[in-house]
Amino acid sequence: MDLESGKDRNPSVNAMKTPGSASDGRPAPLRMTRAFTLIELLVVIAVIAVLAALLLPALRGAKAQAKRIQCVSQLRQLSVIWTIYAGDHADSLALNGVSEPYLPAPYQPNQKFWVSGSFYTAPDSTNLDLLLDPRYSLFAPYLKSAKVYLCPGDKDTVVVNSRPEPKLRSYEMNCYVGWYGRTDTRLDYDMQSYRVFRKYSDIAAARPAGLFLFQDVHPSSICWPYFGVYMRQDAFFNFPSSVHNRGGVVAYTDGHAERHRWLDPRTVAAASWDYHKHNESSPNNSDLSWLRERATVPK
């Protein structure tokens, strides 16, 4: 050892006495790192829970808004096709009415409508031919995608023969627009007293602001291609959809479509023992008044 410097002349001995080492050359004990306490972990979990509670409603709201925008877009597309059809057929509107393509004549006239099918017969709600086959659908030559007929907020499936099957249609056309053929006996009295429009130009003359054309329908209430409206009684023939934040999307004959919020809780609840009786009383329901004002006009 060098007495003046206090250092050992043996390099190997000096190498063992590095900073942080014990004087005898053994490694010094590792420093203990500080761990989270239980309270700190609970605070972090609570903060995450608060953030989730704040963000999830916003995410759900954004998802619901996206579905509503898509539904509006689809009904606008159907309205455009309806307008183009009238232009291609000398002002005549696409036909609407009682559609049962599988029943033989004379009960079922040899006539097709804008779409066909009755959801009272479960297979009709999954039969693509009723939307996309020109034998049954007047819109078929103009529209090749079945997705446009299904509201993104509607049920994806229906039960057919005890099995879930894809559902195809959420929309119906105003019964006072384009009606042809035998009438629904429940609507006979109203159709005798109120206008049934069969020409595109007649609508603008009778109601420049436009009638409602297509209606987003409650999943349990949808049936025929037409949306029935009683003009002289407070009762629902069909319930409108309320999946878009207590409202449904409505398309009009003037070309625009928008969400309409229903005001009466009975409209939103859409309660019925049998939806296919198509006569659910709802006295003094302001939503029924709203529908009547936009369905047709007196003769």
C-alpha atoms as a PDB file:
ATOM      1  CA  MET A   1       0.000   0.000   0.000  1.00  0.00           C
ATOM      2  CA  ASP A   2       1.175   3.511  -0.756  1.00  0.00           C
ATOM      3  CA  LEU A   3       1.314   5.165   2.636  1.00  0.00           C
ATOM      4  CA  GLU A   4       1.071   8.678   1.195  1.00  0.00           C
ATOM      5  CA  SER A   5      -1.895   8.102  -0.979  1.00  0.00           C
ATOM      6  CA  GLY A   6      -3.623   5.482   1.124  1.00  0.00           C
ATOM      7  CA  LYS A   7      -4.210   3.389  -1.948  1.00  0.00           C
ATOM      8  CA  ASP A   8      -3.237  -0.202  -2.407  1.00  0.00           C
ATOM      9  CA  ARG A   9      -0.744  -0.735  -5.189  1.00  0.00           C
ATOM     10  CA  ASN A  10      -2.502  -3.983  -6.106  1.00  0.00           C
ATOM     11  CA  PRO A  11      -4.970  -3.028  -8.892  1.00  0.00           C
ATOM     12  CA  SER A  12      -7.216  -5.981  -8.158  1.00  0.00           C
ATOM     13  CA  VAL A  13      -7.718  -4.841  -4.598  1.00  0.00           C
ATOM     14  CA  ASN A  14      -8.569  -1.300  -5.691  1.00  0.00           C
ATOM     15  CA  ALA A  15     -11.064  -2.663  -8.239  1.00  0.00           C
ATOM     16  CA  MET A  16     -12.947  -4.399  -5.463  1.00  0.00           C
ATOM     17  CA  LYS A  17     -13.264  -1.151  -3.493  1.00  0.00           C
ATOM     18  CA  THR A  18     -15.529   0.623  -5.916  1.00  0.00           C
ATOM     19  CA  PRO A  19     -18.039   3.217  -4.732  1.00  0.00           C
ATOM     20  CA  GLY A  20     -21.067   1.571  -3.244  1.00  0.00           C
ATOM     21  CA  SER A  21     -19.156  -1.525  -2.199  1.00  0.00           C
ATOM     22  CA  ALA A  22     -18.529  -2.701   1.288  1.00  0.00           C
ATOM     23  CA  SER A  23     -15.027  -2.119   2.652  1.00  0.00           C
ATOM     24  CA  ASP A  24     -14.333  -5.826   2.532  1.00  0.00           C
ATOM     25  CA  GLY A  25     -15.124  -5.988  -1.206  1.00  0.00           C
ATOM     26  CA  ARG A  26     -18.617  -7.488  -0.938  1.00  0.00           C
ATOM     27  CA  PRO A  27     -21.440  -5.834  -2.924  1.00  0.00           C
ATOM     28  CA  ALA A  28     -23.522  -3.392  -0.928  1.00  0.00           C
ATOM     29  CA  PRO A  29     -27.197  -4.367  -0.269  1.00  0.00           C
ATOM     30  CA  LEU A  30     -29.665  -3.231  -2.982  1.00  0.00           C
ATOM     31  CA  ARG A  31     -31.759  -0.204  -2.158  1.00  0.00           C
ATOM     32  CA  MET A  32     -35.471  -1.013  -1.531  1.00  0.00           C
ATOM     33  CA  THR A  33     -37.846   0.734  -4.003  1.00  0.00           C
ATOM     34  CA  ARG A  34     -41.044   2.240  -2.569  1.00  0.00           C
ATOM     35  CA  ALA A  35     -44.236   0.293  -3.544  1.00  0.00           C
ATOM     36  CA  PHE A  36     -47.792   1.696  -3.935  1.00  0.00           C
ATOM     37  CA  THR A  37     -49.838   1.502  -0.797  1.00  0.00           C
ATOM     38  CA  LEU A  38     -53.324   0.002  -0.830  1.00  0.00           C
ATOM     39  CA  ILE A  39     -54.841   3.462  -0.393  1.00  0.00           C
ATOM     40  CA  GLU A  40     -52.953   4.801  -3.408  1.00  0.00           C
ATOM     41  CA  LEU A  41     -54.140   1.887  -5.543  1.00  0.00           C
ATOM     42  CA  LEU A  42     -57.710   2.478  -4.453  1.00  0.00           C
ATOM     43  CA  VAL A  43     -57.399   6.174  -5.363  1.00  0.00           C
ATOM     44  CA  VAL A  44     -56.142   5.263  -8.864  1.00  0.00           C
ATOM     45  CA  ILE A  45     -59.027   2.795  -9.342  1.00  0.00           C
ATOM     46  CA  ALA A  46     -61.509   5.428  -8.180  1.00  0.00           C
ATOM     47  CA  VAL A  47     -60.122   7.985 -10.654  1.00  0.00           C
ATOM     48  CA  ILE A  48     -60.404   5.459 -13.502  1.00  0.00           C
ATOM     49  CA  ALA A  49     -63.979   4.687 -12.498  1.00  0.00           C
ATOM     50  CA  VAL A  50     -64.876   8.400 -12.482  1.00  0.00           C
ATOM     51  CA  LEU A  51     -63.327   8.902 -15.934  1.00  0.00           C
ATOM     52  CA  ALA A  52     -65.190   5.878 -17.272  1.00  0.00           C
ATOM     53  CA  ALA A  53     -68.462   7.202 -15.850  1.00  0.00           C
ATOM     54  CA  LEU A  54     -67.853  10.504 -17.620  1.00  0.00           C
ATOM     55  CA  LEU A  55     -66.729   9.058 -20.941  1.00  0.00           C
ATOM     56  CA  LEU A  56     -69.092   6.108 -21.440  1.00  0.00           C
ATOM     57  CA  PRO A  57     -72.283   8.197 -21.758  1.00  0.00           C
ATOM     58  CA  ALA A  58     -70.506  10.372 -24.309  1.00  0.00           C
ATOM     59  CA  LEU A  59     -69.430   7.290 -26.256  1.00  0.00           C
ATOM     60  CA  ARG A  60     -72.958   5.864 -26.122  1.00  0.00           C
ATOM     61  CA  GLY A  61     -74.332   9.204 -27.251  1.00  0.00           C
ATOM     62  CA  ALA A  62     -71.913   9.311 -30.170  1.00  0.00           C
ATOM     63  CA  LYS A  63     -72.872   5.778 -31.175  1.00  0.00           C
ATOM     64  CA  ALA A  64     -76.594   6.598 -30.988  1.00  0.00           C
ATOM     65  CA  GLN A  65     -76.055   9.746 -33.050  1.00  0.00           C
ATOM     66  CA  ALA A  66     -74.191   7.751 -35.693  1.00  0.00           C
ATOM     67  CA  LYS A  67     -77.120   5.321 -35.953  1.00  0.00           C
ATOM     68  CA  ARG A  68     -79.583   8.190 -36.263  1.00  0.00           C
ATOM     69  CA  ILE A  69     -77.526   9.839 -39.010  1.00  0.00           C
ATOM     70  CA  GLN A  70     -77.347   6.546 -40.895  1.00  0.00           C
ATOM     71  CA  CYS A  71     -81.111   6.039 -40.565  1.00  0.00           C
ATOM     72  CA  VAL A  72     -81.758   9.558 -41.903  1.00  0.00           C
ATOM     73  CA  SER A  73     -79.431   8.852 -44.828  1.00  0.00           C
ATOM     74  CA  GLN A  74     -81.205   5.598 -45.674  1.00  0.00           C
ATOM     75  CA  LEU A  75     -84.665   7.150 -45.642  1.00  0.00           C
ATOM     76  CA  ARG A  76     -83.445   9.984 -47.820  1.00  0.00           C
ATOM     77  CA  GLN A  77     -82.156   7.395 -50.254  1.00  0.00           C
ATOM     78  CA  LEU A  78     -85.561   5.679 -50.343  1.00  0.00           C
ATOM     79  CA  SER A  79     -87.204   9.076 -50.892  1.00  0.00           C
ATOM     80  CA  VAL A  80     -84.901   9.773 -53.832  1.00  0.00           C
ATOM     81  CA  ILE A  81     -85.769   6.400 -55.376  1.00  0.00           C
ATOM     82  CA  TRP A  82     -89.471   7.136 -54.871  1.00  0.00           C
ATOM     83  CA  THR A  83     -89.072  10.472 -56.679  1.00  0.00           C
ATOM     84  CA  ILE A  84     -87.056   8.939 -59.523  1.00  0.00           C
ATOM     85  CA  TYR A  85     -89.669   6.230 -59.951  1.00  0.00           C
ATOM     86  CA  ALA A  86     -92.400   8.859 -60.432  1.00  0.00           C
ATOM     87  CA  GLY A  87     -90.238  10.617 -63.008  1.00  0.00           C
ATOM     88  CA  ASP A  88     -89.718   7.360 -64.884  1.00  0.00           C
ATOM     89  CA  HIS A  89     -93.434   6.488 -64.869  1.00  0.00           C
ATOM     90  CA  ALA A  90     -95.190   9.602 -66.133  1.00  0.00           C
ATOM     91  CA  ASP A  91     -95.766  11.109 -62.661  1.00  0.00           C
ATOM     92  CA  SER A  92     -97.357   7.926 -61.255  1.00  0.00           C
ATOM     93  CA  LEU A  93     -96.284   7.036 -57.727  1.00  0.00           C
ATOM     94  CA  ALA A  94     -94.817   3.699 -56.717  1.00  0.00           C
ATOM     95  CA  LEU A  95     -97.707   1.527 -55.606  1.00  0.00           C
ATOM     96  CA  ASN A  96     -98.442   0.821 -51.988  1.00  0.00           C
ATOM     97  CA  GLY A  97    -101.001  -1.500 -50.432  1.00  0.00           C
ATOM     98  CA  VAL A  98    -101.886  -4.933 -49.123  1.00  0.00           C
ATOM     99  CA  SER A  99     -99.094  -7.199 -50.273  1.00  0.00           C
ATOM    100  CA  GLU A 100     -99.296 -10.976 -49.908  1.00  0.00           C
ATOM    101  CA  PRO A 101     -97.316 -12.385 -52.825  1.00  0.00           C
ATOM    102  CA  TYR A 102     -97.737 -16.027 -51.857  1.00  0.00           C
ATOM    103  CA  LEU A 103    -101.525 -16.048 -51.839  1.00  0.00           C
ATOM    104  CA  PRO A 104    -103.130 -17.210 -55.106  1.00  0.00           C
ATOM    105  CA  ALA A 105    -105.490 -15.154 -57.267  1.00  0.00           C
ATOM    106  CA  PRO A 106    -108.189 -13.945 -57.077  1.00  0.00           C
ATOM    107  CA  TYR A 107    -107.521 -13.110 -53.408  1.00  0.00           C
ATOM    108  CA  GLN A 108    -104.165 -11.606 -54.335  1.00  0.00           C
ATOM    109  CA  PRO A 109    -104.169  -9.513 -57.522  1.00  0.00           C
ATOM    110  CA  ASN A 110    -101.192  -9.861 -59.786  1.00  0.00           C
ATOM    111  CA  GLN A 111     -99.698  -6.594 -58.596  1.00  0.00           C
ATOM    112  CA  LYS A 112     -96.382  -5.642 -57.017  1.00  0.00           C
ATOM    113  CA  PHE A 113     -95.721  -2.703 -54.721  1.00  0.00           C
ATOM    114  CA  TRP A 114     -92.702  -0.624 -53.723  1.00  0.00           C
ATOM    115  CA  VAL A 115     -91.786  -3.668 -51.600  1.00  0.00           C
ATOM    116  CA  SER A 116     -93.832  -6.709 -50.683  1.00  0.00           C
ATOM    117  CA  GLY A 117     -94.435  -8.918 -47.699  1.00  0.00           C
ATOM    118  CA  SER A 118     -96.345  -9.059 -44.439  1.00  0.00           C
ATOM    119  CA  PHE A 119     -94.405  -9.497 -41.210  1.00  0.00           C
ATOM    120  CA  TYR A 120     -97.402 -11.251 -39.720  1.00  0.00           C
ATOM    121  CA  THR A 121     -95.969 -14.122 -41.763  1.00  0.00           C
ATOM    122  CA  ALA A 122     -92.545 -14.482 -40.153  1.00  0.00           C
ATOM    123  CA  PRO A 123     -90.677 -15.782 -43.240  1.00  0.00           C
ATOM    124  CA  ASP A 124     -91.593 -12.574 -45.085  1.00  0.00           C
ATOM    125  CA  SER A 125     -89.420 -10.581 -42.684  1.00  0.00           C
ATOM    126  CA  THR A 126     -86.328 -12.494 -43.844  1.00  0.00           C
ATOM    127  CA  ASN A 127     -87.132 -13.000 -47.549  1.00  0.00           C
ATOM    128  CA  LEU A 128     -84.749 -10.907 -49.669  1.00  0.00           C
ATOM    129  CA  ASP A 129     -86.837 -11.469 -52.789  1.00  0.00           C
ATOM    130  CA  LEU A 130     -89.566  -9.206 -51.405  1.00  0.00           C
ATOM    131  CA  LEU A 131     -87.087  -6.308 -51.472  1.00  0.00           C
ATOM    132  CA  LEU A 132     -84.663  -7.078 -54.284  1.00  0.00           C
ATOM    133  CA  ASP A 133     -86.575  -9.216 -56.796  1.00  0.00           C
ATOM    134  CA  PRO A 134     -88.293  -7.165 -59.544  1.00  0.00           C
ATOM    135  CA  ARG A 135     -91.162  -9.661 -59.499  1.00  0.00           C
ATOM    136  CA  TYR A 136     -92.183  -8.373 -56.069  1.00  0.00           C
ATOM    137  CA  SER A 137     -90.593  -4.960 -55.619  1.00  0.00           C
ATOM    138  CA  LEU A 138     -90.909  -1.816 -57.745  1.00  0.00           C
ATOM    139  CA  PHE A 139     -87.794  -0.443 -56.040  1.00  0.00           C
ATOM    140  CA  ALA A 140     -85.720  -3.507 -56.963  1.00  0.00           C
ATOM    141  CA  PRO A 141     -84.394  -2.097 -60.278  1.00  0.00           C
ATOM    142  CA  TYR A 142     -83.194   1.027 -58.428  1.00  0.00           C
ATOM    143  CA  LEU A 143     -81.843  -0.452 -55.196  1.00  0.00           C
ATOM    144  CA  LYS A 144     -79.647  -3.543 -54.958  1.00  0.00           C
ATOM    145  CA  SER A 145     -78.734  -3.400 -51.271  1.00  0.00           C
ATOM    146  CA  ALA A 146     -81.089  -4.703 -48.595  1.00  0.00           C
ATOM    147  CA  LYS A 147     -79.177  -2.816 -45.877  1.00  0.00           C
ATOM    148  CA  VAL A 148     -80.919   0.424 -46.801  1.00  0.00           C
ATOM    149  CA  TYR A 149     -84.262  -1.007 -45.629  1.00  0.00           C
ATOM    150  CA  LEU A 150     -83.087  -1.795 -42.069  1.00  0.00           C
ATOM    151  CA  CYS A 151     -82.749   0.913 -39.423  1.00  0.00           C
ATOM    152  CA  PRO A 152     -79.371   0.534 -37.639  1.00  0.00           C
ATOM    153  CA  GLY A 153     -81.186   0.904 -34.318  1.00  0.00           C
ATOM    154  CA  ASP A 154     -83.655  -1.899 -35.082  1.00  0.00           C
ATOM    155  CA  LYS A 155     -83.401  -5.535 -34.060  1.00  0.00           C
ATOM    156  CA  ASP A 156     -80.898  -7.488 -36.141  1.00  0.00           C
ATOM    157  CA  THR A 157     -82.848 -10.745 -36.080  1.00  0.00           C
ATOM    158  CA  VAL A 158     -86.336 -12.215 -35.919  1.00  0.00           C
ATOM    159  CA  VAL A 159     -87.302 -15.689 -34.774  1.00  0.00           C
ATOM    160  CA  VAL A 160     -88.434 -17.963 -37.611  1.00  0.00           C
ATOM    161  CA  ASN A 161     -89.120 -21.640 -36.894  1.00  0.00           C
ATOM    162  CA  SER A 162     -87.510 -21.227 -33.443  1.00  0.00           C
ATOM    163  CA  ARG A 163     -84.293 -19.905 -34.986  1.00  0.00           C
ATOM    164  CA  PRO A 164     -82.950 -16.336 -35.168  1.00  0.00           C
ATOM    165  CA  GLU A 165     -82.837 -15.080 -38.742  1.00  0.00           C
ATOM    166  CA  PRO A 166     -81.628 -11.728 -40.126  1.00  0.00           C
ATOM    167  CA  LYS A 167     -84.334  -9.077 -40.207  1.00  0.00           C
ATOM    168  CA  LEU A 168     -84.604  -7.086 -43.439  1.00  0.00           C
ATOM    169  CA  ARG A 169     -87.002  -4.140 -43.148  1.00  0.00           C
ATOM    170  CA  SER A 170     -87.758  -1.370 -40.634  1.00  0.00           C
ATOM    171  CA  TYR A 171     -89.654   1.123 -42.801  1.00  0.00           C
ATOM    172  CA  GLU A 172     -93.196   1.529 -44.098  1.00  0.00           C
ATOM    173  CA  MET A 173     -94.789   3.973 -46.549  1.00  0.00           C
ATOM    174  CA  ASN A 174     -97.644   6.313 -45.671  1.00  0.00           C
ATOM    175  CA  CYS A 175    -100.852   4.447 -46.553  1.00  0.00           C
ATOM    176  CA  TYR A 176    -102.325   7.552 -48.235  1.00  0.00           C
ATOM    177  CA  VAL A 177     -99.468   7.684 -50.760  1.00  0.00           C
ATOM    178  CA  GLY A 178     -99.642   5.416 -53.805  1.00  0.00           C
ATOM    179  CA  TRP A 179    -102.326   3.058 -52.500  1.00  0.00           C
ATOM    180  CA  TYR A 180    -103.580   0.586 -55.083  1.00  0.00           C
ATOM    181  CA  GLY A 181    -105.957  -2.381 -55.047  1.00  0.00           C
ATOM    182  CA  ARG A 182    -108.079  -3.714 -52.262  1.00  0.00           C
ATOM    183  CA  THR A 183    -108.065  -1.632 -49.111  1.00  0.00           C
ATOM    184  CA  ASP A 184    -107.503  -2.683 -45.557  1.00  0.00           C
ATOM    185  CA  THR A 185    -111.070  -2.815 -44.223  1.00  0.00           C
ATOM    186  CA  ARG A 186    -109.986  -1.015 -41.030  1.00  0.00           C
ATOM    187  CA  LEU A 187    -108.969   1.996 -43.136  1.00  0.00           C
ATOM    188  CA  ASP A 188    -111.909   1.976 -45.565  1.00  0.00           C
ATOM    189  CA  TYR A 189    -113.824   4.802 -43.888  1.00  0.00           C
ATOM    190  CA  ASP A 190    -110.774   7.073 -43.737  1.00  0.00           C
ATOM    191  CA  MET A 191    -109.788   6.408 -47.343  1.00  0.00           C
ATOM    192  CA  GLN A 192    -113.263   7.332 -48.504  1.00  0.00           C
ATOM    193  CA  SER A 193    -113.089  10.720 -46.780  1.00  0.00           C
ATOM    194  CA  TYR A 194    -109.428  11.652 -47.276  1.00  0.00           C
ATOM    195  CA  ARG A 195    -107.141  11.969 -50.282  1.00  0.00           C
ATOM    196  CA  VAL A 196    -105.155   8.992 -51.511  1.00  0.00           C
ATOM    197  CA  PHE A 197    -102.349  10.365 -53.687  1.00  0.00           C
ATOM    198  CA  ARG A 198    -101.393   8.478 -56.839  1.00  0.00           C
ATOM    199  CA  LYS A 199     -99.676  11.270 -58.802  1.00  0.00           C
ATOM    200  CA  TYR A 200     -96.523  13.076 -57.730  1.00  0.00           C
ATOM    201  CA  SER A 201     -97.843  16.454 -58.888  1.00  0.00           C
ATOM    202  CA  ASP A 202    -101.034  16.076 -56.835  1.00  0.00           C
ATOM    203  CA  ILE A 203     -99.083  16.126 -53.575  1.00  0.00           C
ATOM    204  CA  ALA A 204     -97.393  19.449 -54.212  1.00  0.00           C
ATOM    205  CA  ALA A 205    -100.725  21.019 -55.145  1.00  0.00           C
ATOM    206  CA  ALA A 206    -102.536  19.710 -52.054  1.00  0.00           C
ATOM    207  CA  ARG A 207     -99.774  20.168 -49.494  1.00  0.00           C
ATOM    208  CA  PRO A 208     -96.729  22.137 -50.684  1.00  0.00           C
ATOM    209  CA  ALA A 209     -94.800  21.467 -47.467  1.00  0.00           C
ATOM    210  CA  GLY A 210     -95.011  17.755 -48.136  1.00  0.00           C
ATOM    211  CA  LEU A 211     -96.629  14.748 -46.517  1.00  0.00           C
ATOM    212  CA  PHE A 212     -94.715  12.199 -44.543  1.00  0.00           C
ATOM    213  CA  LEU A 213     -93.635   9.451 -46.921  1.00  0.00           C
ATOM    214  CA  PHE A 214     -91.670   6.824 -44.986  1.00  0.00           C
ATOM    215  CA  GLN A 215     -91.847   6.065 -41.299  1.00  0.00           C
ATOM    216  CA  ASP A 216     -89.329   4.273 -39.107  1.00  0.00           C
ATOM    217  CA  VAL A 217     -91.600   1.671 -37.419  1.00  0.00           C
ATOM    218  CA  HIS A 218     -91.540   0.067 -33.979  1.00  0.00           C
ATOM    219  CA  PRO A 219     -89.922  -3.389 -34.363  1.00  0.00           C
ATOM    220  CA  SER A 220     -92.963  -5.221 -32.966  1.00  0.00           C
ATOM    221  CA  SER A 221     -95.500  -3.174 -34.925  1.00  0.00           C
ATOM    222  CA  ILE A 222     -94.106  -3.351 -38.458  1.00  0.00           C
ATOM    223  CA  CYS A 223     -96.176  -5.482 -40.806  1.00  0.00           C
ATOM    224  CA  TRP A 224     -97.323  -4.525 -44.315  1.00  0.00           C
ATOM    225  CA  PRO A 225     -95.444  -2.227 -46.698  1.00  0.00           C
ATOM    226  CA  TYR A 226     -97.775   0.597 -45.579  1.00  0.00           C
ATOM    227  CA  PHE A 227     -97.924   2.625 -42.366  1.00  0.00           C
ATOM    228  CA  GLY A 228    -101.588   2.996 -41.422  1.00  0.00           C
ATOM    229  CA  VAL A 229    -102.977   6.188 -39.906  1.00  0.00           C
ATOM    230  CA  TYR A 230    -106.509   6.493 -38.540  1.00  0.00           C
ATOM    231  CA  MET A 231    -107.805   9.951 -39.412  1.00  0.00           C
ATOM    232  CA  ARG A 232    -110.967   9.916 -37.282  1.00  0.00           C
ATOM    233  CA  GLN A 233    -109.962   8.133 -34.093  1.00  0.00           C
ATOM    234  CA  ASP A 234    -107.201   8.298 -31.511  1.00  0.00           C
ATOM    235  CA  ALA A 235    -105.677   4.892 -32.110  1.00  0.00           C
ATOM    236  CA  PHE A 236    -102.433   3.538 -33.510  1.00  0.00           C
ATOM    237  CA  PHE A 237    -102.640   1.364 -36.593  1.00  0.00           C
ATOM    238  CA  ASN A 238     -98.851   1.079 -36.455  1.00  0.00           C
ATOM    239  CA  PHE A 239     -96.574   2.403 -33.734  1.00  0.00           C
ATOM    240  CA  PRO A 240     -93.689   4.574 -34.923  1.00  0.00           C
ATOM    241  CA  SER A 241     -90.187   3.715 -33.792  1.00  0.00           C
ATOM    242  CA  SER A 242     -88.684   5.531 -30.803  1.00  0.00           C
ATOM    243  CA  VAL A 243     -85.222   3.923 -30.830  1.00  0.00           C
ATOM    244  CA  HIS A 244     -83.524   7.242 -31.611  1.00  0.00           C
ATOM    245  CA  ASN A 245     -83.661   8.815 -28.154  1.00  0.00           C
ATOM    246  CA  ARG A 246     -87.447   8.604 -27.791  1.00  0.00           C
ATOM    247  CA  GLY A 247     -87.892   9.501 -31.432  1.00  0.00           C
ATOM    248  CA  GLY A 248     -88.007   8.042 -34.910  1.00  0.00           C
ATOM    249  CA  VAL A 249     -86.863   9.134 -38.349  1.00  0.00           C
ATOM    250  CA  VAL A 250     -89.483  10.360 -40.814  1.00  0.00           C
ATOM    251  CA  ALA A 251     -88.995  11.031 -44.533  1.00  0.00           C
ATOM    252  CA  TYR A 252     -91.205  13.474 -46.415  1.00  0.00           C
ATOM    253  CA  THR A 253     -92.456  13.732 -49.963  1.00  0.00           C
ATOM    254  CA  ASP A 254     -90.523  16.983 -50.453  1.00  0.00           C
ATOM    255  CA  GLY A 255     -87.281  15.013 -50.163  1.00  0.00           C
ATOM    256  CA  HIS A 256     -86.008  15.671 -46.653  1.00  0.00           C
ATOM    257  CA  ALA A 257     -85.803  13.303 -43.698  1.00  0.00           C
ATOM    258  CA  GLU A 258     -85.330  14.057 -40.018  1.00  0.00           C
ATOM    259  CA  ARG A 259     -85.711  12.654 -36.552  1.00  0.00           C
ATOM    260  CA  HIS A 260     -88.943  13.476 -34.749  1.00  0.00           C
ATOM    261  CA  ARG A 261     -89.141  13.166 -30.959  1.00  0.00           C
ATOM    262  CA  TRP A 262     -92.417  11.712 -29.657  1.00  0.00           C
ATOM    263  CA  LEU A 263     -94.026  13.581 -26.777  1.00  0.00           C
ATOM    264  CA  ASP A 264     -96.532  11.126 -25.326  1.00  0.00           C
ATOM    265  CA  PRO A 265     -95.084   8.319 -23.157  1.00  0.00           C
ATOM    266  CA  ARG A 266     -97.657   5.924 -24.623  1.00  0.00           C
ATOM    267  CA  THR A 267     -96.126   6.377 -28.059  1.00  0.00           C
ATOM    268  CA  VAL A 268     -92.664   5.541 -26.745  1.00  0.00           C
ATOM    269  CA  ALA A 269     -93.890   2.564 -24.704  1.00  0.00           C
ATOM    270  CA  ALA A 270     -95.795   1.220 -27.739  1.00  0.00           C
ATOM    271  CA  ALA A 271     -97.593  -1.314 -25.550  1.00  0.00           C
ATOM    272  CA  SER A 272    -100.025  -3.741 -27.171  1.00  0.00           C
ATOM    273  CA  TRP A 273    -101.447  -7.184 -26.446  1.00  0.00           C
ATOM    274  CA  ASP A 274    -101.498  -7.883 -30.165  1.00  0.00           C
ATOM    275  CA  TYR A 275     -99.673  -5.516 -32.501  1.00  0.00           C
ATOM    276  CA  HIS A 276    -101.224  -7.125 -35.565  1.00  0.00           C
ATOM    277  CA  LYS A 277    -104.758  -6.161 -34.603  1.00  0.00           C
ATOM    278  CA  HIS A 278    -103.639  -2.677 -35.678  1.00  0.00           C
ATOM    279  CA  ASN A 279    -106.006  -0.738 -33.457  1.00  0.00           C
ATOM    280  CA  GLU A 280    -104.436   0.392 -30.179  1.00  0.00           C
ATOM    281  CA  SER A 281    -106.502   3.125 -28.545  1.00  0.00           C
ATOM    282  CA  SER A 282    -104.585   6.147 -27.225  1.00  0.00           C
ATOM    283  CA  PRO A 283    -107.009   8.991 -26.380  1.00  0.00           C
ATOM    284  CA  ASN A 284    -105.793  12.591 -26.644  1.00  0.00           C
ATOM    285  CA  ASN A 285    -102.358  11.537 -27.838  1.00  0.00           C
ATOM    286  CA  SER A 286    -100.630  14.554 -29.385  1.00  0.00           C
ATOM    287  CA  ASP A 287     -98.368  12.295 -31.454  1.00  0.00           C
ATOM    288  CA  LEU A 288    -101.394  10.877 -33.261  1.00  0.00           C
ATOM    289  CA  SER A 289    -102.485  14.421 -34.073  1.00  0.00           C
ATOM    290  CA  TRP A 290     -99.015  15.110 -35.451  1.00  0.00           C
ATOM    291  CA  LEU A 291     -99.198  12.039 -37.708  1.00  0.00           C
ATOM    292  CA  ARG A 292    -102.702  12.883 -38.973  1.00  0.00           C
ATOM    293  CA  GLU A 293    -101.659  16.410 -39.894  1.00  0.00           C
ATOM    294  CA  ARG A 294     -98.906  15.021 -42.127  1.00  0.00           C
ATOM    295  CA  ALA A 295    -100.594  11.881 -43.500  1.00  0.00           C
ATOM    296  CA  THR A 296    -103.139  13.338 -45.923  1.00  0.00           C
ATOM    297  CA  VAL A 297    -105.767  16.057 -46.423  1.00  0.00           C
ATOM    298  CA  PRO A 298    -109.581  15.909 -46.636  1.00  0.00           C
ATOM    299  CA  LYS A 299    -111.140  15.325 -50.040  1.00  0.00           C
END
